[in-house]
Amino acid sequence: MSEVTDRLAAGLVEITGGLTDERGDPEVLHQVTAACVKVLGAAATGVLMVDPHGVVRLVTASDERAEFVELWQAQIDQGPCVDCVRSGEIVVATDLSREASRWPRFAPAATAAGYHAVDAIPMRLDGRAVGGLNLLYAEPGESPRWRRDLAQSLADLAVLGLAQEPGVRRTERLFERTLAAVNDRAVLAQAVGMVAGGLGIDVDQAWTLVRHHARNRRIALRVVAHALTSGSLRPAGLDHPAEPG
């Protein structure tokens, strides 16, 4: 567990750093999904949140394949994360190939994408679920209790960061930031696609480059994304990470 503890500490530093500076909600949510992959051993992760109309929306995913699965879950209103948001409880599926009766449209799509088990963790505010953190695994099996407990802590931390307002204003603020995160995700996806196409690199490399530029310049991801999509920043103008050595 010492290695896990070290990775968790590093992940918490990244997340709390995002909560206390101007990097913005997309960066905070990305850090949460990244921590679940790095620290908790998930193959991929995604975050669904409830908008002001009660609709479950995708706000972020750790990669393209997870984004497809999570977007499908939100669109068909069926799956472990949807159930977890409705119940406010952790939902566990140890073998998705056996869950066709439970989720007849979600389970086959998830297994076809290469995911065979899932932990869906509620994101709670003031005693009710306002979203869900989905941990997707490449192999069937039940995850240990400590993994779900840590995932719950990360989910709680993310919600607290997104709702930094007192009293009843907390829920209103969270709704505002949920909608903003949904909109930011769309602009970021467009910007990352422009970088990938413009520089001839894959989407993961493009995302890393955009994120590095934002962190290097100490500006929000959404600012970089809007600059790219508006044409005021060209892909070739992005800061590149220093070469090792």
Protein backbone atom coordinates (compact mmCIF):
# COMPACT_ATOMS: atom_id res chain seq x y z
CA MET A 1 0.00 0.00 0.00
CA SER A 2 2.98 2.39 0.40
CA GLU A 3 3.28 2.88 -3.36
CA VAL A 4 -0.47 3.48 -3.57
CA THR A 5 -0.22 5.96 -0.71
CA ASP A 6 2.56 7.86 -2.48
CA ARG A 7 0.59 8.00 -5.72
CA LEU A 8 -2.54 9.08 -3.84
CA ALA A 9 -0.63 11.88 -2.11
CA ALA A 10 0.66 13.11 -5.47
CA GLY A 11 -2.84 12.93 -6.93
CA LEU A 12 -4.32 14.89 -4.04
CA VAL A 13 -1.69 17.59 -4.48
CA GLU A 14 -2.69 17.93 -8.13
CA ILE A 15 -6.41 18.03 -7.36
CA THR A 16 -6.19 20.48 -4.47
CA GLY A 17 -3.86 22.64 -6.56
CA GLY A 18 -6.58 22.84 -9.18
CA LEU A 19 -9.10 23.90 -6.54
CA THR A 20 -6.99 26.78 -5.30
CA ASP A 21 -5.81 28.35 -8.55
CA GLU A 22 -7.31 29.49 -11.84
CA ARG A 23 -6.92 26.31 -13.87
CA GLY A 24 -10.67 25.75 -13.84
CA ASP A 25 -13.18 22.93 -13.55
CA PRO A 26 -12.02 20.84 -16.55
CA GLU A 27 -8.55 20.58 -15.03
CA VAL A 28 -9.91 19.60 -11.60
CA LEU A 29 -12.14 16.91 -13.08
CA HIS A 30 -9.33 15.67 -15.29
CA GLN A 31 -7.10 15.34 -12.24
CA VAL A 32 -9.78 13.27 -10.49
CA THR A 33 -10.10 10.86 -13.45
CA ALA A 34 -6.31 10.70 -13.82
CA ALA A 35 -5.89 9.88 -10.13
CA CYS A 36 -8.40 7.03 -10.41
CA VAL A 37 -6.38 5.52 -13.25
CA LYS A 38 -2.94 6.09 -11.71
CA VAL A 39 -3.75 5.42 -8.07
CA LEU A 40 -6.69 3.03 -8.10
CA GLY A 41 -5.76 0.89 -11.08
CA ALA A 42 -8.85 1.57 -13.19
CA ALA A 43 -8.44 1.10 -16.93
CA ALA A 44 -10.45 4.29 -17.49
CA THR A 45 -12.77 6.65 -15.66
CA GLY A 46 -15.55 9.11 -16.39
CA VAL A 47 -17.68 11.65 -14.56
CA LEU A 48 -21.40 12.14 -15.09
CA MET A 49 -23.23 14.99 -13.37
CA VAL A 50 -26.83 16.14 -13.09
CA ASP A 51 -27.74 19.41 -14.80
CA PRO A 52 -30.38 21.87 -13.49
CA HIS A 53 -33.10 19.99 -15.40
CA GLY A 54 -32.25 16.68 -13.74
CA VAL A 55 -30.57 15.27 -16.85
CA VAL A 56 -27.40 13.22 -16.37
CA ARG A 57 -24.61 14.69 -18.54
CA LEU A 58 -21.07 13.60 -19.33
CA VAL A 59 -18.55 16.18 -18.10
CA THR A 60 -15.23 14.37 -18.52
CA ALA A 61 -13.60 11.01 -19.29
CA SER A 62 -10.04 9.79 -19.09
CA ASP A 63 -9.78 8.84 -22.77
CA GLU A 64 -11.75 8.56 -26.00
CA ARG A 65 -12.93 5.00 -25.45
CA ALA A 66 -14.22 5.81 -21.96
CA GLU A 67 -15.84 8.97 -23.34
CA PHE A 68 -17.82 6.86 -25.82
CA VAL A 69 -19.02 4.48 -23.09
CA GLU A 70 -19.93 7.26 -20.67
CA LEU A 71 -21.64 9.35 -23.33
CA TRP A 72 -23.67 6.31 -24.37
CA GLN A 73 -24.65 5.69 -20.75
CA ALA A 74 -25.83 9.29 -20.40
CA GLN A 75 -27.71 9.24 -23.70
CA ILE A 76 -29.63 6.02 -23.03
CA ASP A 77 -30.11 6.90 -19.33
CA GLN A 78 -28.99 3.42 -18.32
CA GLY A 79 -25.96 1.98 -16.58
CA PRO A 80 -24.13 1.75 -13.26
CA CYS A 81 -23.33 5.45 -12.98
CA VAL A 82 -26.93 6.43 -13.75
CA ASP A 83 -28.15 3.99 -11.09
CA CYS A 84 -25.61 5.30 -8.61
CA VAL A 85 -26.79 8.91 -9.16
CA ARG A 86 -30.40 7.87 -8.63
CA SER A 87 -29.77 5.78 -5.54
CA GLY A 88 -26.96 7.81 -3.99
CA GLU A 89 -25.15 4.53 -3.32
CA ILE A 90 -22.07 2.82 -4.76
CA VAL A 91 -22.99 0.45 -7.60
CA VAL A 92 -20.67 -2.47 -8.33
CA ALA A 93 -20.66 -4.79 -11.34
CA THR A 94 -18.01 -7.49 -11.18
CA ASP A 95 -18.71 -8.99 -14.61
CA LEU A 96 -20.53 -6.88 -17.19
CA SER A 97 -20.95 -9.88 -19.49
CA ARG A 98 -23.51 -11.13 -16.96
CA GLU A 99 -25.36 -7.82 -16.61
CA ALA A 100 -27.37 -7.79 -19.85
CA SER A 101 -30.66 -8.19 -17.97
CA ARG A 102 -29.76 -5.33 -15.65
CA TRP A 103 -28.46 -2.96 -18.34
CA PRO A 104 -29.48 -4.45 -21.71
CA ARG A 105 -28.11 -1.56 -23.78
CA PHE A 106 -25.18 -0.42 -21.66
CA ALA A 107 -23.55 -3.74 -20.72
CA PRO A 108 -22.95 -5.02 -24.30
CA ALA A 109 -21.55 -1.65 -25.39
CA ALA A 110 -19.17 -1.51 -22.41
CA THR A 111 -17.87 -5.05 -22.93
CA ALA A 112 -17.47 -4.41 -26.67
CA ALA A 113 -15.30 -1.42 -25.74
CA GLY A 114 -13.12 -3.66 -23.57
CA TYR A 115 -14.51 -2.96 -20.10
CA HIS A 116 -15.63 -5.92 -18.00
CA ALA A 117 -16.20 -4.56 -14.48
CA VAL A 118 -17.16 -1.24 -12.98
CA ASP A 119 -17.44 0.68 -9.71
CA ALA A 120 -19.81 3.66 -9.83
CA ILE A 121 -19.18 6.10 -6.98
CA PRO A 122 -21.76 8.78 -6.02
CA MET A 123 -20.69 12.42 -5.95
CA ARG A 124 -22.75 13.90 -3.13
CA LEU A 125 -23.64 17.40 -2.06
CA ASP A 126 -25.68 18.12 1.07
CA GLY A 127 -26.76 14.49 1.39
CA ARG A 128 -27.86 13.81 -2.19
CA ALA A 129 -26.10 12.53 -5.29
CA VAL A 130 -25.36 15.21 -7.88
CA GLY A 131 -23.15 13.06 -10.08
CA GLY A 132 -21.18 9.87 -10.33
CA LEU A 133 -17.56 8.81 -10.78
CA ASN A 134 -17.28 5.68 -12.91
CA LEU A 135 -14.25 3.39 -12.57
CA LEU A 136 -13.99 1.00 -15.53
CA TYR A 137 -11.84 -2.13 -15.40
CA ALA A 138 -10.43 -4.24 -18.22
CA GLU A 139 -10.85 -7.52 -16.32
CA PRO A 140 -13.84 -8.94 -14.44
CA GLY A 141 -13.64 -9.18 -10.66
CA GLU A 142 -14.53 -7.31 -7.48
CA SER A 143 -12.30 -4.43 -6.47
CA PRO A 144 -11.12 -4.26 -2.84
CA ARG A 145 -13.06 -2.12 -0.38
CA TRP A 146 -10.16 0.29 0.12
CA ARG A 147 -10.23 1.16 -3.58
CA ARG A 148 -13.89 2.15 -3.46
CA ASP A 149 -13.32 4.10 -0.23
CA LEU A 150 -10.50 6.09 -1.83
CA ALA A 151 -12.60 6.69 -4.93
CA GLN A 152 -15.39 8.03 -2.71
CA SER A 153 -12.93 10.42 -1.07
CA LEU A 154 -11.79 11.69 -4.47
CA ALA A 155 -15.40 12.12 -5.60
CA ASP A 156 -16.27 14.04 -2.41
CA LEU A 157 -13.23 16.28 -2.84
CA ALA A 158 -14.20 17.09 -6.41
CA VAL A 159 -17.75 18.06 -5.44
CA LEU A 160 -16.54 20.28 -2.61
CA GLY A 161 -14.24 22.04 -5.04
CA LEU A 162 -16.96 22.56 -7.62
CA ALA A 163 -19.43 23.94 -5.06
CA GLN A 164 -17.35 26.48 -3.17
CA GLU A 165 -20.27 28.56 -1.95
CA PRO A 166 -22.11 28.77 1.40
CA GLY A 167 -25.63 27.57 2.12
CA VAL A 168 -28.29 27.12 -0.55
CA ARG A 169 -26.05 28.85 -3.06
CA ARG A 170 -23.91 25.68 -3.12
CA THR A 171 -26.40 23.71 -5.23
CA GLU A 172 -27.00 26.63 -7.59
CA ARG A 173 -23.26 27.11 -7.98
CA LEU A 174 -22.76 23.41 -8.68
CA PHE A 175 -25.43 23.47 -11.40
CA GLU A 176 -23.76 26.49 -12.98
CA ARG A 177 -20.39 24.79 -12.99
CA THR A 178 -21.83 21.52 -14.27
CA LEU A 179 -23.24 23.30 -17.31
CA ALA A 180 -19.98 25.19 -17.75
CA ALA A 181 -18.02 21.93 -17.57
CA VAL A 182 -20.27 20.35 -20.22
CA ASN A 183 -19.73 23.34 -22.52
CA ASP A 184 -16.00 23.42 -21.80
CA ARG A 185 -15.73 19.71 -22.65
CA ALA A 186 -17.21 20.37 -26.09
CA VAL A 187 -14.81 23.26 -26.79
CA LEU A 188 -11.85 21.27 -25.45
CA ALA A 189 -12.73 18.32 -27.68
CA GLN A 190 -12.81 20.62 -30.71
CA ALA A 191 -9.51 22.26 -29.73
CA VAL A 192 -7.76 18.96 -29.12
CA GLY A 193 -8.99 17.69 -32.49
CA MET A 194 -7.60 20.80 -34.18
CA VAL A 195 -4.22 20.27 -32.50
CA ALA A 196 -4.13 16.59 -33.43
CA GLY A 197 -4.99 17.35 -37.06
CA GLY A 198 -2.76 20.39 -37.32
CA LEU A 199 0.33 18.72 -35.87
CA GLY A 200 -0.26 15.19 -37.13
CA ILE A 201 -0.34 13.62 -33.66
CA ASP A 202 -2.86 11.41 -31.89
CA VAL A 203 -5.59 12.73 -29.60
CA ASP A 204 -3.87 11.72 -26.35
CA GLN A 205 -0.69 13.55 -27.39
CA ALA A 206 -2.73 16.58 -28.41
CA TRP A 207 -4.54 16.63 -25.06
CA THR A 208 -1.21 16.42 -23.21
CA LEU A 209 0.15 19.32 -25.25
CA VAL A 210 -2.89 21.54 -24.63
CA ARG A 211 -2.82 20.77 -20.93
CA HIS A 212 0.94 21.43 -20.72
CA HIS A 213 0.50 24.81 -22.40
CA ALA A 214 -2.22 25.79 -19.93
CA ARG A 215 -0.17 24.73 -16.92
CA ASN A 216 3.03 26.28 -18.25
CA ARG A 217 1.30 29.62 -18.83
CA ARG A 218 -0.79 29.32 -15.64
CA ILE A 219 -4.05 29.86 -17.48
CA ALA A 220 -7.28 27.87 -17.53
CA LEU A 221 -7.71 25.03 -20.00
CA ARG A 222 -10.88 26.65 -21.32
CA VAL A 223 -8.93 29.82 -22.17
CA VAL A 224 -6.44 27.81 -24.23
CA ALA A 225 -9.27 25.87 -25.89
CA HIS A 226 -11.15 29.03 -26.86
CA ALA A 227 -7.93 30.59 -28.19
CA LEU A 228 -7.34 27.54 -30.39
CA THR A 229 -10.89 27.35 -31.69
CA SER A 230 -11.04 31.11 -32.36
CA GLY A 231 -7.74 31.06 -34.24
CA SER A 232 -5.93 33.45 -31.91
CA LEU A 233 -3.61 30.59 -30.95
CA ARG A 234 -2.37 28.13 -33.54
CA PRO A 235 -1.40 24.53 -32.71
CA ALA A 236 2.21 25.24 -33.68
CA GLY A 237 2.27 28.02 -31.07
CA LEU A 238 1.62 25.71 -28.12
CA ASP A 239 4.39 25.29 -25.55
CA HIS A 240 6.01 21.88 -25.77
CA PRO A 241 7.27 19.91 -22.75
CA ALA A 242 11.04 19.96 -22.35
CA GLU A 243 12.78 16.95 -23.83
CA PRO A 244 14.12 14.56 -21.15
CA GLY A 245 17.82 14.59 -20.57
